[in-house]
Structure formats: C-alpha cells, structure tokens
C-alpha cells in the first residue's frame, strides 16, 4: 500500500461515497480445483458512504434481505474494516446499501463477491489517501475468503488462474473465447461450502492427480482458443464425485447432461451446475433437459462472461 497518510484522515474521507459492482463467479470449472475461476455477468451492486456519525447502517435489497446481518458483522463491512486496518486508517462511520442478485449458498461466489465488494469499496473511499495495488487487493480478499479461486475472477474478471506463493496469492487473467456460452442451473436448495470441502479427502490416487493436471491444461486451451474441446476438458476425478452424495440432484443432472454431450460441472462447491456450452442451441438443449428433471426445480441463468471484474466509482 502506498500513499501519504494525512494527520486526520477522517476529515479527508468526510462525505465520500462510492458505487461498487461485483460479478458472480464459478470456481473449479471441473478439473481446476481451487485454481481456476470464471467471472459471470450477474452482479451485486452497493453504495457505500462515509457517515457523519460513528457506527454502521446497512440496508440489503434483493438476495439476502431479511437474512444477512445489518451491523458490523455484515461481510462487506468486515471486509471494508479489514482493508482500513491494513492501511492503518481508523474506520469511519459507514452507510451501506446493497442490491444483491447473486444467489447465496449456491456455488456462485456470493461470499467472495461480498469480500471483494468490501475491499474495492475501501480502495475507492481511500483514494488519494492510501493506494492499493492489484496484488494487495487480492491478498486482502484471500485472507478473508481463505483461497483465491473465487475472489480473483470477482476482482479482475474473465478467466483467472490463481495460485499462492510465499509472498502471497497471485493471478493471471485470460480472455475467454467468444464462442463460450455459460449457462448456470440454480436449484432451490443451498449447499454449505464448509460441508462440501470437508468431503474432500486429504490425498488422491496418483493417476487421478495426473488426469486432472492434463484436463486443467486442456481446459485453459478450450476456454481461450478451442471451445470444441470443452467436453473432454471438463472431466474431473479430483473432487466432484467425492461430494456427489451430499447433492444427489446435482449429481443426477450432471450425469444426464454429460451423457448428452454437454460440458457440465459443479459450480464452485455447488449445488448449482455450470454448463460451458459452445453455442446458444447447446444451452437451449441443456435447459430443456433440466426442466425435464421432476424432483428439483432448476432456475436457468444464461450468462455472459464478465470481462471487467469489480468496479468502483465515486457516487
């Protein structure tokens, strides 16, 4: 973090307001466990203002209204506070109004989006006082999320490869081929990320690890250059079948879709399904097959890839 810290930063911040927009994300993408992530054009938008009085005022509209806390424990507020603390600036009073559309507990990176919204809002509020680099924003977000695969695409957009070094998390952003047409199928029920991760074994067979290395490399080529390879590239032996018993409806529909040749995978920790279709007609067929599954109602979200990532501007 760089910048000149004034003697009384609260006087500089008085009256500042920012508008933040953060995309949904889908992590793993099949074989790229804890490494690959994709930003999707479904957004949470927030207005954050420095208040005249101490304390926090939170309003939530849309997804999460009446469910998430409206005080200092709200995840966006905690993330703002984390960034301010790292910058060495006392947290001022805040007013936050959130308009959410990213489903919660469905494997679309809602917690990662909230964390990214907070650190990006802090960046905007502290503009000219303390400056955050891209690596510092990723580090702050990863400290709160625990792993960078969701927060990296939420921050930077597109397809991201994320990894961790002794000096902190790093990322590489790639531009997705225009022929890739993502479809997300969202069920009514939620899935605990903690539960999903607890089902993952500490070690896997050597041949399964080699299998996933090859498919992860192929998936990057398929997403940026050769969409016709997406079906083979989304094969996985590292995590999805271990979690299948905890979300049988998801497993059943993925099997149905893949038997028809669709590159379907669990989105993040689930239970949503991501279909990386290569044309709109393929999306239409996948939607029809989801509608034919009688035991679960699936909301179909045909989404574009988001190429910008999180944005912040004065409000």
C-alpha atoms as a PDB file:
ATOM      1  CA  UNK A   1       0.000   0.000   0.000  1.00  0.00           C
ATOM      2  CA  UNK A   2       1.259   3.404  -0.957  1.00  0.00           C
ATOM      3  CA  UNK A   3       0.159   6.943  -0.364  1.00  0.00           C
ATOM      4  CA  UNK A   4       0.516   9.756   2.106  1.00  0.00           C
ATOM      5  CA  UNK A   5      -1.487   9.345   5.282  1.00  0.00           C
ATOM      6  CA  UNK A   6      -2.773  12.731   6.423  1.00  0.00           C
ATOM      7  CA  UNK A   7      -2.785  13.650  10.107  1.00  0.00           C
ATOM      8  CA  UNK A   8      -6.561  13.328  10.355  1.00  0.00           C
ATOM      9  CA  UNK A   9      -7.787  11.026   7.563  1.00  0.00           C
ATOM     10  CA  UNK A  10     -11.372  11.234   8.855  1.00  0.00           C
ATOM     11  CA  UNK A  11     -11.565  14.854   7.710  1.00  0.00           C
ATOM     12  CA  UNK A  12     -10.391  13.841   4.228  1.00  0.00           C
ATOM     13  CA  UNK A  13     -12.893  10.987   3.997  1.00  0.00           C
ATOM     14  CA  UNK A  14     -15.889  13.014   5.157  1.00  0.00           C
ATOM     15  CA  UNK A  15     -18.696  12.930   2.612  1.00  0.00           C
ATOM     16  CA  UNK A  16     -17.073  10.351   0.353  1.00  0.00           C
ATOM     17  CA  UNK A  17     -19.432   7.960  -1.465  1.00  0.00           C
ATOM     18  CA  UNK A  18     -18.652   5.130  -3.864  1.00  0.00           C
ATOM     19  CA  UNK A  19     -20.659   2.769  -6.042  1.00  0.00           C
ATOM     20  CA  UNK A  20     -19.346  -0.796  -6.334  1.00  0.00           C
ATOM     21  CA  UNK A  21     -20.344  -3.504  -8.808  1.00  0.00           C
ATOM     22  CA  UNK A  22     -19.074  -7.083  -8.418  1.00  0.00           C
ATOM     23  CA  UNK A  23     -19.720 -10.124 -10.640  1.00  0.00           C
ATOM     24  CA  UNK A  24     -20.707 -13.622  -9.651  1.00  0.00           C
ATOM     25  CA  UNK A  25     -18.082 -16.302 -10.150  1.00  0.00           C
ATOM     26  CA  UNK A  26     -17.853 -20.011 -10.755  1.00  0.00           C
ATOM     27  CA  UNK A  27     -14.779 -21.733  -9.368  1.00  0.00           C
ATOM     28  CA  UNK A  28     -13.058 -25.029 -10.181  1.00  0.00           C
ATOM     29  CA  UNK A  29     -14.729 -25.388 -13.627  1.00  0.00           C
ATOM     30  CA  UNK A  30     -14.441 -29.152 -13.274  1.00  0.00           C
ATOM     31  CA  UNK A  31     -10.754 -30.127 -13.070  1.00  0.00           C
ATOM     32  CA  UNK A  32      -9.267 -26.798 -11.920  1.00  0.00           C
ATOM     33  CA  UNK A  33      -9.897 -27.363  -8.212  1.00  0.00           C
ATOM     34  CA  UNK A  34      -9.024 -24.292  -6.067  1.00  0.00           C
ATOM     35  CA  UNK A  35      -7.203 -22.780  -9.054  1.00  0.00           C
ATOM     36  CA  UNK A  36      -9.485 -21.781 -11.937  1.00  0.00           C
ATOM     37  CA  UNK A  37     -12.361 -19.326 -11.764  1.00  0.00           C
ATOM     38  CA  UNK A  38     -14.687 -17.575 -14.194  1.00  0.00           C
ATOM     39  CA  UNK A  39     -16.446 -14.232 -13.756  1.00  0.00           C
ATOM     40  CA  UNK A  40     -20.104 -14.210 -14.811  1.00  0.00           C
ATOM     41  CA  UNK A  41     -22.403 -11.318 -15.725  1.00  0.00           C
ATOM     42  CA  UNK A  42     -24.641 -11.498 -12.647  1.00  0.00           C
ATOM     43  CA  UNK A  43     -23.963  -8.689 -10.192  1.00  0.00           C
ATOM     44  CA  UNK A  44     -24.232  -7.365  -6.677  1.00  0.00           C
ATOM     45  CA  UNK A  45     -24.178  -3.563  -6.534  1.00  0.00           C
ATOM     46  CA  UNK A  46     -23.505  -1.470  -3.438  1.00  0.00           C
ATOM     47  CA  UNK A  47     -23.477   2.179  -2.460  1.00  0.00           C
ATOM     48  CA  UNK A  48     -21.104   2.915   0.409  1.00  0.00           C
ATOM     49  CA  UNK A  49     -20.804   6.317   2.080  1.00  0.00           C
ATOM     50  CA  UNK A  50     -18.791   7.745   4.942  1.00  0.00           C
ATOM     51  CA  UNK A  51     -21.370   8.718   7.575  1.00  0.00           C
ATOM     52  CA  UNK A  52     -21.349  11.822   9.758  1.00  0.00           C
ATOM     53  CA  UNK A  53     -21.651   9.743  12.931  1.00  0.00           C
ATOM     54  CA  UNK A  54     -19.847   6.632  14.195  1.00  0.00           C
ATOM     55  CA  UNK A  55     -21.298   3.175  13.639  1.00  0.00           C
ATOM     56  CA  UNK A  56     -22.689   1.285  10.681  1.00  0.00           C
ATOM     57  CA  UNK A  57     -26.023   1.463   8.883  1.00  0.00           C
ATOM     58  CA  UNK A  58     -26.747  -1.400   6.440  1.00  0.00           C
ATOM     59  CA  UNK A  59     -29.643  -1.933   4.042  1.00  0.00           C
ATOM     60  CA  UNK A  60     -29.955  -5.068   1.903  1.00  0.00           C
ATOM     61  CA  UNK A  61     -32.307  -5.402  -1.051  1.00  0.00           C
ATOM     62  CA  UNK A  62     -32.812  -8.497  -3.179  1.00  0.00           C
ATOM     63  CA  UNK A  63     -30.972 -11.695  -2.322  1.00  0.00           C
ATOM     64  CA  UNK A  64     -30.218 -11.970   1.400  1.00  0.00           C
ATOM     65  CA  UNK A  65     -32.729  -9.314   2.508  1.00  0.00           C
ATOM     66  CA  UNK A  66     -34.041 -10.279   5.936  1.00  0.00           C
ATOM     67  CA  UNK A  67     -31.380 -12.981   6.285  1.00  0.00           C
ATOM     68  CA  UNK A  68     -27.938 -11.379   6.493  1.00  0.00           C
ATOM     69  CA  UNK A  69     -26.843  -9.219   9.454  1.00  0.00           C
ATOM     70  CA  UNK A  70     -27.279  -5.454   9.275  1.00  0.00           C
ATOM     71  CA  UNK A  71     -24.440  -4.444  11.605  1.00  0.00           C
ATOM     72  CA  UNK A  72     -20.650  -4.585  11.821  1.00  0.00           C
ATOM     73  CA  UNK A  73     -20.747  -8.341  11.269  1.00  0.00           C
ATOM     74  CA  UNK A  74     -22.043  -7.922   7.697  1.00  0.00           C
ATOM     75  CA  UNK A  75     -19.395  -9.455   5.442  1.00  0.00           C
ATOM     76  CA  UNK A  76     -18.972  -6.361   3.269  1.00  0.00           C
ATOM     77  CA  UNK A  77     -18.490  -4.172   6.352  1.00  0.00           C
ATOM     78  CA  UNK A  78     -15.996  -6.652   7.824  1.00  0.00           C
ATOM     79  CA  UNK A  79     -14.067  -6.567   4.559  1.00  0.00           C
ATOM     80  CA  UNK A  80     -14.003  -2.765   4.485  1.00  0.00           C
ATOM     81  CA  UNK A  81     -12.776  -2.775   8.084  1.00  0.00           C
ATOM     82  CA  UNK A  82     -10.073  -5.318   7.215  1.00  0.00           C
ATOM     83  CA  UNK A  83      -8.744  -3.121   4.413  1.00  0.00           C
ATOM     84  CA  UNK A  84      -8.857   0.037   6.555  1.00  0.00           C
ATOM     85  CA  UNK A  85      -6.990  -1.752   9.336  1.00  0.00           C
ATOM     86  CA  UNK A  86      -4.304  -2.906   6.913  1.00  0.00           C
ATOM     87  CA  UNK A  87      -3.980   0.670   5.674  1.00  0.00           C
ATOM     88  CA  UNK A  88      -3.682   1.962   9.242  1.00  0.00           C
ATOM     89  CA  UNK A  89      -6.725   4.215   8.908  1.00  0.00           C
ATOM     90  CA  UNK A  90      -9.437   4.271  11.598  1.00  0.00           C
ATOM     91  CA  UNK A  91     -12.759   3.009  10.280  1.00  0.00           C
ATOM     92  CA  UNK A  92     -15.240   5.889   9.980  1.00  0.00           C
ATOM     93  CA  UNK A  93     -18.990   5.614  10.323  1.00  0.00           C
ATOM     94  CA  UNK A  94     -20.452   3.912   7.264  1.00  0.00           C
ATOM     95  CA  UNK A  95     -23.729   3.736   5.400  1.00  0.00           C
ATOM     96  CA  UNK A  96     -24.096   0.747   3.082  1.00  0.00           C
ATOM     97  CA  UNK A  97     -26.960  -0.057   0.702  1.00  0.00           C
ATOM     98  CA  UNK A  98     -26.675  -3.393  -1.125  1.00  0.00           C
ATOM     99  CA  UNK A  99     -28.701  -4.532  -4.131  1.00  0.00           C
ATOM    100  CA  UNK A 100     -27.927  -8.235  -4.466  1.00  0.00           C
ATOM    101  CA  UNK A 101     -28.714 -10.630  -7.297  1.00  0.00           C
ATOM    102  CA  UNK A 102     -26.048 -13.324  -6.747  1.00  0.00           C
ATOM    103  CA  UNK A 103     -27.701 -16.377  -5.136  1.00  0.00           C
ATOM    104  CA  UNK A 104     -26.400 -17.286  -1.688  1.00  0.00           C
ATOM    105  CA  UNK A 105     -25.109 -20.751  -0.868  1.00  0.00           C
ATOM    106  CA  UNK A 106     -25.372 -21.955  -4.457  1.00  0.00           C
ATOM    107  CA  UNK A 107     -21.747 -22.082  -5.623  1.00  0.00           C
ATOM    108  CA  UNK A 108     -21.717 -18.733  -7.418  1.00  0.00           C
ATOM    109  CA  UNK A 109     -19.223 -16.942  -5.211  1.00  0.00           C
ATOM    110  CA  UNK A 110     -21.607 -14.816  -3.143  1.00  0.00           C
ATOM    111  CA  UNK A 111     -19.245 -14.636  -0.166  1.00  0.00           C
ATOM    112  CA  UNK A 112     -16.299 -13.912  -2.437  1.00  0.00           C
ATOM    113  CA  UNK A 113     -18.305 -11.147  -4.110  1.00  0.00           C
ATOM    114  CA  UNK A 114     -19.132  -9.603  -0.725  1.00  0.00           C
ATOM    115  CA  UNK A 115     -15.479  -9.693   0.301  1.00  0.00           C
ATOM    116  CA  UNK A 116     -14.343  -8.188  -2.988  1.00  0.00           C
ATOM    117  CA  UNK A 117     -17.059  -5.526  -2.720  1.00  0.00           C
ATOM    118  CA  UNK A 118     -15.669  -4.558   0.673  1.00  0.00           C
ATOM    119  CA  UNK A 119     -12.007  -4.303  -0.279  1.00  0.00           C
ATOM    120  CA  UNK A 120     -12.827  -2.483  -3.516  1.00  0.00           C
ATOM    121  CA  UNK A 121     -15.130  -0.080  -1.644  1.00  0.00           C
ATOM    122  CA  UNK A 122     -12.266   0.597   0.775  1.00  0.00           C
ATOM    123  CA  UNK A 123      -9.962   1.276  -2.158  1.00  0.00           C
ATOM    124  CA  UNK A 124     -12.449   3.807  -3.512  1.00  0.00           C
ATOM    125  CA  UNK A 125     -13.054   5.507  -0.180  1.00  0.00           C
ATOM    126  CA  UNK A 126      -9.309   5.769   0.484  1.00  0.00           C
ATOM    127  CA  UNK A 127      -8.431   7.062  -2.980  1.00  0.00           C
ATOM    128  CA  UNK A 128      -5.678   9.654  -2.663  1.00  0.00           C
ATOM    129  CA  UNK A 129      -5.035   8.725   0.958  1.00  0.00           C
ATOM    130  CA  UNK A 130      -3.773   5.148   0.592  1.00  0.00           C
ATOM    131  CA  UNK A 131      -3.452   3.298  -2.712  1.00  0.00           C
ATOM    132  CA  UNK A 132      -3.836  -0.471  -3.037  1.00  0.00           C
ATOM    133  CA  UNK A 133      -2.139  -2.455  -5.805  1.00  0.00           C
ATOM    134  CA  UNK A 134      -3.909  -5.329  -7.556  1.00  0.00           C
ATOM    135  CA  UNK A 135      -1.792  -7.854  -5.666  1.00  0.00           C
ATOM    136  CA  UNK A 136      -2.653  -6.181  -2.360  1.00  0.00           C
ATOM    137  CA  UNK A 137      -6.389  -6.291  -3.112  1.00  0.00           C
ATOM    138  CA  UNK A 138      -6.100  -9.988  -3.963  1.00  0.00           C
ATOM    139  CA  UNK A 139      -4.146 -10.638  -0.772  1.00  0.00           C
ATOM    140  CA  UNK A 140      -6.716  -8.824   1.392  1.00  0.00           C
ATOM    141  CA  UNK A 141      -9.593 -10.701  -0.211  1.00  0.00           C
ATOM    142  CA  UNK A 142      -7.836 -14.061   0.026  1.00  0.00           C
ATOM    143  CA  UNK A 143      -7.095 -13.535   3.727  1.00  0.00           C
ATOM    144  CA  UNK A 144     -10.830 -13.257   4.332  1.00  0.00           C
ATOM    145  CA  UNK A 145     -12.029 -15.912   1.870  1.00  0.00           C
ATOM    146  CA  UNK A 146      -9.302 -18.471   2.611  1.00  0.00           C
ATOM    147  CA  UNK A 147      -8.494 -19.269  -1.022  1.00  0.00           C
ATOM    148  CA  UNK A 148      -8.198 -17.102  -4.158  1.00  0.00           C
ATOM    149  CA  UNK A 149     -10.156 -19.064  -6.788  1.00  0.00           C
ATOM    150  CA  UNK A 150     -13.406 -17.061  -6.369  1.00  0.00           C
ATOM    151  CA  UNK A 151     -12.050 -13.666  -5.357  1.00  0.00           C
ATOM    152  CA  UNK A 152      -9.571 -13.471  -8.258  1.00  0.00           C
ATOM    153  CA  UNK A 153     -12.213 -13.548 -11.039  1.00  0.00           C
ATOM    154  CA  UNK A 154     -14.516 -11.329  -8.970  1.00  0.00           C
ATOM    155  CA  UNK A 155     -11.730  -8.749  -8.734  1.00  0.00           C
ATOM    156  CA  UNK A 156     -10.322  -8.950 -12.230  1.00  0.00           C
ATOM    157  CA  UNK A 157     -12.967 -10.536 -14.482  1.00  0.00           C
ATOM    158  CA  UNK A 158     -12.585 -13.116 -17.233  1.00  0.00           C
ATOM    159  CA  UNK A 159     -10.950 -16.486 -16.653  1.00  0.00           C
ATOM    160  CA  UNK A 160      -8.374 -16.426 -13.878  1.00  0.00           C
ATOM    161  CA  UNK A 161      -5.669 -18.817 -12.805  1.00  0.00           C
ATOM    162  CA  UNK A 162      -4.869 -18.248  -9.124  1.00  0.00           C
ATOM    163  CA  UNK A 163      -2.012 -19.643  -7.088  1.00  0.00           C
ATOM    164  CA  UNK A 164      -0.314 -18.950  -3.771  1.00  0.00           C
ATOM    165  CA  UNK A 165       3.359 -18.065  -3.312  1.00  0.00           C
ATOM    166  CA  UNK A 166       5.422 -17.391  -0.159  1.00  0.00           C
ATOM    167  CA  UNK A 167       4.815 -13.710  -0.930  1.00  0.00           C
ATOM    168  CA  UNK A 168       1.046 -14.100  -1.174  1.00  0.00           C
ATOM    169  CA  UNK A 169      -1.577 -15.044  -3.762  1.00  0.00           C
ATOM    170  CA  UNK A 170      -1.083 -14.261  -7.433  1.00  0.00           C
ATOM    171  CA  UNK A 171      -3.285 -14.458 -10.514  1.00  0.00           C
ATOM    172  CA  UNK A 172      -3.257 -14.463 -14.296  1.00  0.00           C
ATOM    173  CA  UNK A 173      -6.276 -13.159 -16.190  1.00  0.00           C
ATOM    174  CA  UNK A 174      -7.158 -14.671 -19.569  1.00  0.00           C
ATOM    175  CA  UNK A 175      -9.788 -13.627 -22.115  1.00  0.00           C
ATOM    176  CA  UNK A 176     -12.414 -16.287 -22.829  1.00  0.00           C
ATOM    177  CA  UNK A 177     -13.187 -17.266 -26.428  1.00  0.00           C
ATOM    178  CA  UNK A 178     -16.330 -15.520 -27.673  1.00  0.00           C
ATOM    179  CA  UNK A 179     -17.803 -18.900 -28.631  1.00  0.00           C
ATOM    180  CA  UNK A 180     -18.149 -19.955 -24.973  1.00  0.00           C
ATOM    181  CA  UNK A 181     -21.756 -19.563 -23.757  1.00  0.00           C
ATOM    182  CA  UNK A 182     -22.031 -20.214 -19.999  1.00  0.00           C
ATOM    183  CA  UNK A 183     -25.268 -21.492 -18.521  1.00  0.00           C
ATOM    184  CA  UNK A 184     -25.852 -21.767 -14.785  1.00  0.00           C
ATOM    185  CA  UNK A 185     -28.594 -24.035 -13.435  1.00  0.00           C
ATOM    186  CA  UNK A 186     -29.533 -22.994  -9.907  1.00  0.00           C
ATOM    187  CA  UNK A 187     -31.611 -25.241  -7.599  1.00  0.00           C
ATOM    188  CA  UNK A 188     -33.833 -24.005  -4.791  1.00  0.00           C
ATOM    189  CA  UNK A 189     -31.719 -25.589  -2.032  1.00  0.00           C
ATOM    190  CA  UNK A 190     -28.362 -24.395  -0.716  1.00  0.00           C
ATOM    191  CA  UNK A 191     -25.082 -26.176  -0.067  1.00  0.00           C
ATOM    192  CA  UNK A 192     -22.608 -25.401   2.695  1.00  0.00           C
ATOM    193  CA  UNK A 193     -19.159 -24.701   1.293  1.00  0.00           C
ATOM    194  CA  UNK A 194     -17.614 -25.941   4.541  1.00  0.00           C
ATOM    195  CA  UNK A 195     -19.515 -29.226   4.240  1.00  0.00           C
ATOM    196  CA  UNK A 196     -18.527 -29.650   0.606  1.00  0.00           C
ATOM    197  CA  UNK A 197     -14.856 -29.071   1.396  1.00  0.00           C
ATOM    198  CA  UNK A 198     -14.995 -31.485   4.341  1.00  0.00           C
ATOM    199  CA  UNK A 199     -15.901 -34.299   1.945  1.00  0.00           C
ATOM    200  CA  UNK A 200     -12.663 -33.865   0.031  1.00  0.00           C
ATOM    201  CA  UNK A 201     -10.006 -36.471   1.001  1.00  0.00           C
ATOM    202  CA  UNK A 202      -6.553 -35.420   2.160  1.00  0.00           C
ATOM    203  CA  UNK A 203      -4.918 -37.424  -0.639  1.00  0.00           C
ATOM    204  CA  UNK A 204      -5.993 -38.831  -4.005  1.00  0.00           C
ATOM    205  CA  UNK A 205      -4.606 -41.592  -6.244  1.00  0.00           C
ATOM    206  CA  UNK A 206      -1.609 -40.602  -8.355  1.00  0.00           C
ATOM    207  CA  UNK A 207      -3.386 -41.437 -11.605  1.00  0.00           C
ATOM    208  CA  UNK A 208      -6.312 -39.170 -10.650  1.00  0.00           C
ATOM    209  CA  UNK A 209      -3.920 -36.300  -9.976  1.00  0.00           C
ATOM    210  CA  UNK A 210      -2.244 -36.799 -13.365  1.00  0.00           C
ATOM    211  CA  UNK A 211      -5.671 -36.989 -15.018  1.00  0.00           C
ATOM    212  CA  UNK A 212      -6.675 -33.633 -13.559  1.00  0.00           C
ATOM    213  CA  UNK A 213      -3.395 -31.961 -14.465  1.00  0.00           C
ATOM    214  CA  UNK A 214      -3.968 -32.881 -18.110  1.00  0.00           C
ATOM    215  CA  UNK A 215      -7.619 -31.797 -18.076  1.00  0.00           C
ATOM    216  CA  UNK A 216      -6.829 -28.479 -16.365  1.00  0.00           C
ATOM    217  CA  UNK A 217      -4.257 -27.643 -19.021  1.00  0.00           C
ATOM    218  CA  UNK A 218      -6.691 -28.682 -21.738  1.00  0.00           C
ATOM    219  CA  UNK A 219      -9.479 -26.611 -20.160  1.00  0.00           C
ATOM    220  CA  UNK A 220      -7.465 -23.404 -20.411  1.00  0.00           C
ATOM    221  CA  UNK A 221      -6.836 -24.089 -24.108  1.00  0.00           C
ATOM    222  CA  UNK A 222     -10.516 -24.907 -24.643  1.00  0.00           C
ATOM    223  CA  UNK A 223     -11.755 -21.744 -22.924  1.00  0.00           C
ATOM    224  CA  UNK A 224      -9.439 -19.303 -24.669  1.00  0.00           C
ATOM    225  CA  UNK A 225      -8.923 -20.939 -28.053  1.00  0.00           C
ATOM    226  CA  UNK A 226     -10.766 -24.204 -28.765  1.00  0.00           C
ATOM    227  CA  UNK A 227     -14.318 -24.419 -27.328  1.00  0.00           C
ATOM    228  CA  UNK A 228     -14.933 -27.665 -29.218  1.00  0.00           C
ATOM    229  CA  UNK A 229     -12.694 -29.366 -26.613  1.00  0.00           C
ATOM    230  CA  UNK A 230     -14.778 -28.258 -23.614  1.00  0.00           C
ATOM    231  CA  UNK A 231     -16.483 -31.594 -23.018  1.00  0.00           C
ATOM    232  CA  UNK A 232     -13.248 -33.543 -22.587  1.00  0.00           C
ATOM    233  CA  UNK A 233     -11.597 -30.607 -20.843  1.00  0.00           C
ATOM    234  CA  UNK A 234     -14.226 -30.519 -18.065  1.00  0.00           C
ATOM    235  CA  UNK A 235     -13.659 -34.110 -16.927  1.00  0.00           C
ATOM    236  CA  UNK A 236     -12.647 -34.365 -13.273  1.00  0.00           C
ATOM    237  CA  UNK A 237     -11.517 -37.066 -10.839  1.00  0.00           C
ATOM    238  CA  UNK A 238     -10.307 -34.843  -8.020  1.00  0.00           C
ATOM    239  CA  UNK A 239     -13.347 -33.522  -6.131  1.00  0.00           C
ATOM    240  CA  UNK A 240     -16.796 -33.770  -7.725  1.00  0.00           C
ATOM    241  CA  UNK A 241     -17.514 -37.460  -7.186  1.00  0.00           C
ATOM    242  CA  UNK A 242     -16.433 -37.217  -3.534  1.00  0.00           C
ATOM    243  CA  UNK A 243     -19.133 -34.586  -2.972  1.00  0.00           C
ATOM    244  CA  UNK A 244     -21.821 -36.201  -5.109  1.00  0.00           C
ATOM    245  CA  UNK A 245     -23.569 -37.935  -2.209  1.00  0.00           C
ATOM    246  CA  UNK A 246     -24.189 -34.594  -0.486  1.00  0.00           C
ATOM    247  CA  UNK A 247     -26.021 -33.177  -3.510  1.00  0.00           C
ATOM    248  CA  UNK A 248     -27.695 -36.087  -5.343  1.00  0.00           C
ATOM    249  CA  UNK A 249     -29.931 -33.876  -7.503  1.00  0.00           C
ATOM    250  CA  UNK A 250     -26.885 -32.016  -8.803  1.00  0.00           C
ATOM    251  CA  UNK A 251     -25.040 -35.261  -9.476  1.00  0.00           C
ATOM    252  CA  UNK A 252     -28.022 -36.733 -11.300  1.00  0.00           C
ATOM    253  CA  UNK A 253     -28.473 -33.757 -13.606  1.00  0.00           C
ATOM    254  CA  UNK A 254     -24.750 -33.500 -14.352  1.00  0.00           C
ATOM    255  CA  UNK A 255     -24.762 -37.169 -15.358  1.00  0.00           C
ATOM    256  CA  UNK A 256     -27.793 -36.556 -17.567  1.00  0.00           C
ATOM    257  CA  UNK A 257     -26.228 -33.528 -19.214  1.00  0.00           C
ATOM    258  CA  UNK A 258     -22.846 -35.129 -19.752  1.00  0.00           C
ATOM    259  CA  UNK A 259     -24.459 -38.267 -21.201  1.00  0.00           C
ATOM    260  CA  UNK A 260     -25.943 -35.920 -23.826  1.00  0.00           C
ATOM    261  CA  UNK A 261     -22.520 -34.410 -24.547  1.00  0.00           C
ATOM    262  CA  UNK A 262     -22.844 -31.199 -22.532  1.00  0.00           C
ATOM    263  CA  UNK A 263     -19.731 -29.946 -20.638  1.00  0.00           C
ATOM    264  CA  UNK A 264     -21.500 -29.714 -17.268  1.00  0.00           C
ATOM    265  CA  UNK A 265     -19.694 -29.355 -13.928  1.00  0.00           C
ATOM    266  CA  UNK A 266     -20.469 -28.427 -10.349  1.00  0.00           C
ATOM    267  CA  UNK A 267     -20.244 -24.660  -9.943  1.00  0.00           C
ATOM    268  CA  UNK A 268     -17.873 -23.985  -7.068  1.00  0.00           C
ATOM    269  CA  UNK A 269     -18.940 -26.015  -4.043  1.00  0.00           C
ATOM    270  CA  UNK A 270     -22.409 -26.481  -5.559  1.00  0.00           C
ATOM    271  CA  UNK A 271     -25.215 -27.234  -5.721  1.00  0.00           C
ATOM    272  CA  UNK A 272     -25.527 -25.114  -8.903  1.00  0.00           C
ATOM    273  CA  UNK A 273     -24.356 -26.531 -12.206  1.00  0.00           C
ATOM    274  CA  UNK A 274     -22.237 -24.709 -14.775  1.00  0.00           C
ATOM    275  CA  UNK A 275     -22.577 -25.729 -18.411  1.00  0.00           C
ATOM    276  CA  UNK A 276     -19.785 -24.349 -20.576  1.00  0.00           C
ATOM    277  CA  UNK A 277     -21.725 -24.526 -23.823  1.00  0.00           C
ATOM    278  CA  UNK A 278     -20.119 -23.681 -27.139  1.00  0.00           C
ATOM    279  CA  UNK A 279     -23.242 -22.230 -28.774  1.00  0.00           C
ATOM    280  CA  UNK A 280     -26.745 -20.972 -27.815  1.00  0.00           C
ATOM    281  CA  UNK A 281     -28.513 -24.083 -29.150  1.00  0.00           C
ATOM    282  CA  UNK A 282     -26.495 -26.220 -26.767  1.00  0.00           C
ATOM    283  CA  UNK A 283     -27.663 -24.022 -23.893  1.00  0.00           C
ATOM    284  CA  UNK A 284     -31.275 -24.425 -25.018  1.00  0.00           C
ATOM    285  CA  UNK A 285     -30.989 -28.213 -25.019  1.00  0.00           C
ATOM    286  CA  UNK A 286     -29.378 -28.196 -21.556  1.00  0.00           C
ATOM    287  CA  UNK A 287     -32.223 -26.027 -20.221  1.00  0.00           C
ATOM    288  CA  UNK A 288     -34.803 -28.414 -21.673  1.00  0.00           C
ATOM    289  CA  UNK A 289     -33.102 -31.392 -20.024  1.00  0.00           C
ATOM    290  CA  UNK A 290     -33.024 -29.577 -16.669  1.00  0.00           C
ATOM    291  CA  UNK A 291     -36.745 -28.803 -16.976  1.00  0.00           C
ATOM    292  CA  UNK A 292     -37.419 -32.489 -17.590  1.00  0.00           C
ATOM    293  CA  UNK A 293     -35.934 -33.452 -14.213  1.00  0.00           C
ATOM    294  CA  UNK A 294     -39.006 -33.681 -11.998  1.00  0.00           C
ATOM    295  CA  UNK A 295     -37.519 -33.891  -8.488  1.00  0.00           C
ATOM    296  CA  UNK A 296     -35.831 -30.456  -8.458  1.00  0.00           C
ATOM    297  CA  UNK A 297     -36.743 -27.059  -9.906  1.00  0.00           C
ATOM    298  CA  UNK A 298     -33.760 -25.539 -11.693  1.00  0.00           C
ATOM    299  CA  UNK A 299     -33.552 -21.838 -12.483  1.00  0.00           C
ATOM    300  CA  UNK A 300     -31.716 -21.376 -15.772  1.00  0.00           C
ATOM    301  CA  UNK A 301     -29.366 -18.387 -15.981  1.00  0.00           C
ATOM    302  CA  UNK A 302     -27.834 -17.969 -19.465  1.00  0.00           C
ATOM    303  CA  UNK A 303     -24.976 -15.625 -18.596  1.00  0.00           C
ATOM    304  CA  UNK A 304     -22.199 -13.896 -20.454  1.00  0.00           C
ATOM    305  CA  UNK A 305     -18.627 -13.925 -19.221  1.00  0.00           C
ATOM    306  CA  UNK A 306     -17.811 -10.741 -17.307  1.00  0.00           C
ATOM    307  CA  UNK A 307     -14.560  -9.249 -18.571  1.00  0.00           C
ATOM    308  CA  UNK A 308     -14.217  -6.248 -16.231  1.00  0.00           C
ATOM    309  CA  UNK A 309     -14.381  -7.691 -12.737  1.00  0.00           C
ATOM    310  CA  UNK A 310     -15.187  -5.451  -9.787  1.00  0.00           C
ATOM    311  CA  UNK A 311     -15.572  -1.747 -10.478  1.00  0.00           C
ATOM    312  CA  UNK A 312     -15.706   1.223  -8.113  1.00  0.00           C
ATOM    313  CA  UNK A 313     -16.528   4.844  -8.896  1.00  0.00           C
ATOM    314  CA  UNK A 314     -17.482   7.937  -6.962  1.00  0.00           C
ATOM    315  CA  UNK A 315     -21.233   8.097  -6.341  1.00  0.00           C
END
